[in-house]
Amino acid sequence: MGCKIIEVKPLKKDQALKLFLNKVGDDVFPTPTLESTLKMIVDECAGLPLAIVTVAGSMKGMSDPHLWKNVLNELREQKRMVAGTEVDEFRILKFSYD
């Protein structure tokens, strides 16, 4: 098909956070009760732009800290399910699908 593979490097932490905040929307930040959970969720995305955009988009408009903690727990559970594989993108996409 004439496709060309382009490697996308993971974003640095500050870039990842900025992208996440841009996609999740202004209504969740600055919310002190969400800040630490938000940063942990961004860390779970491992700097992968597709993962960050997908997760942030699925969380748009969510302001309940319990929902954010549930998302974090689900992402961590997905990570355990695919541990030892090179499919971080898969777990993020599976999360957004579910």
C-alpha atoms as a PDB file:
ATOM      1  CA  MET A   1       0.000   0.000   0.000  1.00  0.00           C
ATOM      2  CA  GLY A   2       2.993   2.272   0.068  1.00  0.00           C
ATOM      3  CA  CYS A   3       2.660   3.093   3.761  1.00  0.00           C
ATOM      4  CA  LYS A   4       5.515   4.664   5.610  1.00  0.00           C
ATOM      5  CA  ILE A   5       6.119   3.908   9.281  1.00  0.00           C
ATOM      6  CA  ILE A   6       6.683   7.030  11.353  1.00  0.00           C
ATOM      7  CA  GLU A   7       7.932   6.607  14.895  1.00  0.00           C
ATOM      8  CA  VAL A   8       6.374   8.983  17.382  1.00  0.00           C
ATOM      9  CA  LYS A   9       8.472   9.599  20.466  1.00  0.00           C
ATOM     10  CA  PRO A  10       6.728   9.875  23.838  1.00  0.00           C
ATOM     11  CA  LEU A  11       6.086  13.391  25.071  1.00  0.00           C
ATOM     12  CA  LYS A  12       7.911  14.815  28.055  1.00  0.00           C
ATOM     13  CA  LYS A  13       5.861  15.059  31.267  1.00  0.00           C
ATOM     14  CA  ASP A  14       5.153  18.771  30.933  1.00  0.00           C
ATOM     15  CA  GLN A  15       4.148  18.393  27.278  1.00  0.00           C
ATOM     16  CA  ALA A  16       1.935  15.406  28.115  1.00  0.00           C
ATOM     17  CA  LEU A  17       0.186  17.328  30.893  1.00  0.00           C
ATOM     18  CA  LYS A  18      -0.350  20.346  28.647  1.00  0.00           C
ATOM     19  CA  LEU A  19      -1.856  18.167  25.893  1.00  0.00           C
ATOM     20  CA  PHE A  20      -4.107  16.372  28.387  1.00  0.00           C
ATOM     21  CA  LEU A  21      -5.389  19.636  29.865  1.00  0.00           C
ATOM     22  CA  ASN A  22      -5.971  21.039  26.407  1.00  0.00           C
ATOM     23  CA  LYS A  23      -8.099  18.029  25.429  1.00  0.00           C
ATOM     24  CA  VAL A  24      -9.948  17.450  28.718  1.00  0.00           C
ATOM     25  CA  GLY A  25     -11.127  21.057  28.875  1.00  0.00           C
ATOM     26  CA  ASP A  26     -10.826  23.997  31.228  1.00  0.00           C
ATOM     27  CA  ASP A  27     -13.701  22.946  33.477  1.00  0.00           C
ATOM     28  CA  VAL A  28     -11.562  20.416  35.412  1.00  0.00           C
ATOM     29  CA  PHE A  29      -8.526  22.576  36.096  1.00  0.00           C
ATOM     30  CA  PRO A  30      -7.532  24.038  38.453  1.00  0.00           C
ATOM     31  CA  THR A  31      -9.380  21.707  40.778  1.00  0.00           C
ATOM     32  CA  PRO A  32      -7.117  20.879  43.736  1.00  0.00           C
ATOM     33  CA  THR A  33      -8.930  17.618  44.482  1.00  0.00           C
ATOM     34  CA  LEU A  34      -8.252  16.359  40.945  1.00  0.00           C
ATOM     35  CA  GLU A  35      -4.710  17.605  40.427  1.00  0.00           C
ATOM     36  CA  SER A  36      -2.783  14.644  41.839  1.00  0.00           C
ATOM     37  CA  THR A  37      -5.088  12.067  40.239  1.00  0.00           C
ATOM     38  CA  LEU A  38      -4.917  13.933  36.944  1.00  0.00           C
ATOM     39  CA  LYS A  39      -1.113  13.801  36.969  1.00  0.00           C
ATOM     40  CA  MET A  40      -1.148  10.075  37.759  1.00  0.00           C
ATOM     41  CA  ILE A  41      -3.547   9.461  34.859  1.00  0.00           C
ATOM     42  CA  VAL A  42      -1.244  11.402  32.540  1.00  0.00           C
ATOM     43  CA  ASP A  43       1.683   9.297  33.801  1.00  0.00           C
ATOM     44  CA  GLU A  44      -0.264   6.125  32.972  1.00  0.00           C
ATOM     45  CA  CYS A  45      -0.492   7.353  29.374  1.00  0.00           C
ATOM     46  CA  ALA A  46       3.315   7.068  29.211  1.00  0.00           C
ATOM     47  CA  GLY A  47       3.734  10.178  27.067  1.00  0.00           C
ATOM     48  CA  LEU A  48       1.891   8.596  24.135  1.00  0.00           C
ATOM     49  CA  PRO A  49      -0.022  11.354  22.312  1.00  0.00           C
ATOM     50  CA  LEU A  50      -2.777   9.038  21.067  1.00  0.00           C
ATOM     51  CA  ALA A  51      -3.279   7.678  24.557  1.00  0.00           C
ATOM     52  CA  ILE A  52      -3.371  11.148  26.101  1.00  0.00           C
ATOM     53  CA  VAL A  53      -5.886  12.501  23.586  1.00  0.00           C
ATOM     54  CA  THR A  54      -8.078   9.396  23.863  1.00  0.00           C
ATOM     55  CA  VAL A  55      -8.220   9.318  27.654  1.00  0.00           C
ATOM     56  CA  ALA A  56      -8.631  13.084  28.007  1.00  0.00           C
ATOM     57  CA  GLY A  57     -11.438  13.074  25.461  1.00  0.00           C
ATOM     58  CA  SER A  58     -13.266  10.319  27.312  1.00  0.00           C
ATOM     59  CA  MET A  59     -13.016  12.313  30.551  1.00  0.00           C
ATOM     60  CA  LYS A  60     -14.199  15.644  29.179  1.00  0.00           C
ATOM     61  CA  GLY A  61     -16.776  17.172  31.511  1.00  0.00           C
ATOM     62  CA  MET A  62     -16.063  14.773  34.398  1.00  0.00           C
ATOM     63  CA  SER A  63     -15.529  16.674  37.643  1.00  0.00           C
ATOM     64  CA  ASP A  64     -16.280  14.033  40.289  1.00  0.00           C
ATOM     65  CA  PRO A  65     -12.993  13.009  42.008  1.00  0.00           C
ATOM     66  CA  HIS A  66     -14.347   9.476  42.498  1.00  0.00           C
ATOM     67  CA  LEU A  67     -14.791   9.052  38.745  1.00  0.00           C
ATOM     68  CA  TRP A  68     -11.218  10.211  38.181  1.00  0.00           C
ATOM     69  CA  LYS A  69      -9.930   7.699  40.724  1.00  0.00           C
ATOM     70  CA  ASN A  70     -11.949   4.969  39.003  1.00  0.00           C
ATOM     71  CA  VAL A  71     -10.369   5.885  35.672  1.00  0.00           C
ATOM     72  CA  LEU A  72      -6.908   5.744  37.227  1.00  0.00           C
ATOM     73  CA  ASN A  73      -7.646   2.322  38.733  1.00  0.00           C
ATOM     74  CA  GLU A  74      -8.999   1.034  35.408  1.00  0.00           C
ATOM     75  CA  LEU A  75      -5.888   2.219  33.559  1.00  0.00           C
ATOM     76  CA  ARG A  76      -3.648   0.546  36.115  1.00  0.00           C
ATOM     77  CA  GLU A  77      -5.667  -2.664  35.854  1.00  0.00           C
ATOM     78  CA  GLN A  78      -5.366  -2.614  32.067  1.00  0.00           C
ATOM     79  CA  LYS A  79      -1.621  -2.186  32.470  1.00  0.00           C
ATOM     80  CA  ARG A  80      -1.416  -5.284  34.676  1.00  0.00           C
ATOM     81  CA  MET A  81      -3.451  -7.275  32.153  1.00  0.00           C
ATOM     82  CA  VAL A  82      -0.990  -6.585  29.333  1.00  0.00           C
ATOM     83  CA  ALA A  83       2.214  -6.432  31.411  1.00  0.00           C
ATOM     84  CA  GLY A  84       5.287  -7.589  29.563  1.00  0.00           C
ATOM     85  CA  THR A  85       3.985  -6.622  26.141  1.00  0.00           C
ATOM     86  CA  GLU A  86       4.604  -3.648  23.897  1.00  0.00           C
ATOM     87  CA  VAL A  87       0.949  -2.674  23.667  1.00  0.00           C
ATOM     88  CA  ASP A  88       0.512   0.400  25.851  1.00  0.00           C
ATOM     89  CA  GLU A  89      -1.534   1.974  23.074  1.00  0.00           C
ATOM     90  CA  PHE A  90      -3.832  -1.045  23.068  1.00  0.00           C
ATOM     91  CA  ARG A  91      -4.711  -0.745  26.763  1.00  0.00           C
ATOM     92  CA  ILE A  92      -5.504   2.943  26.390  1.00  0.00           C
ATOM     93  CA  LEU A  93      -7.678   2.368  23.354  1.00  0.00           C
ATOM     94  CA  LYS A  94      -9.395  -0.552  25.105  1.00  0.00           C
ATOM     95  CA  PHE A  95     -10.098   1.736  28.079  1.00  0.00           C
ATOM     96  CA  SER A  96     -11.677   4.395  25.867  1.00  0.00           C
ATOM     97  CA  TYR A  97     -13.724   1.772  24.029  1.00  0.00           C
ATOM     98  CA  ASP A  98     -14.976   0.207  27.262  1.00  0.00           C
END
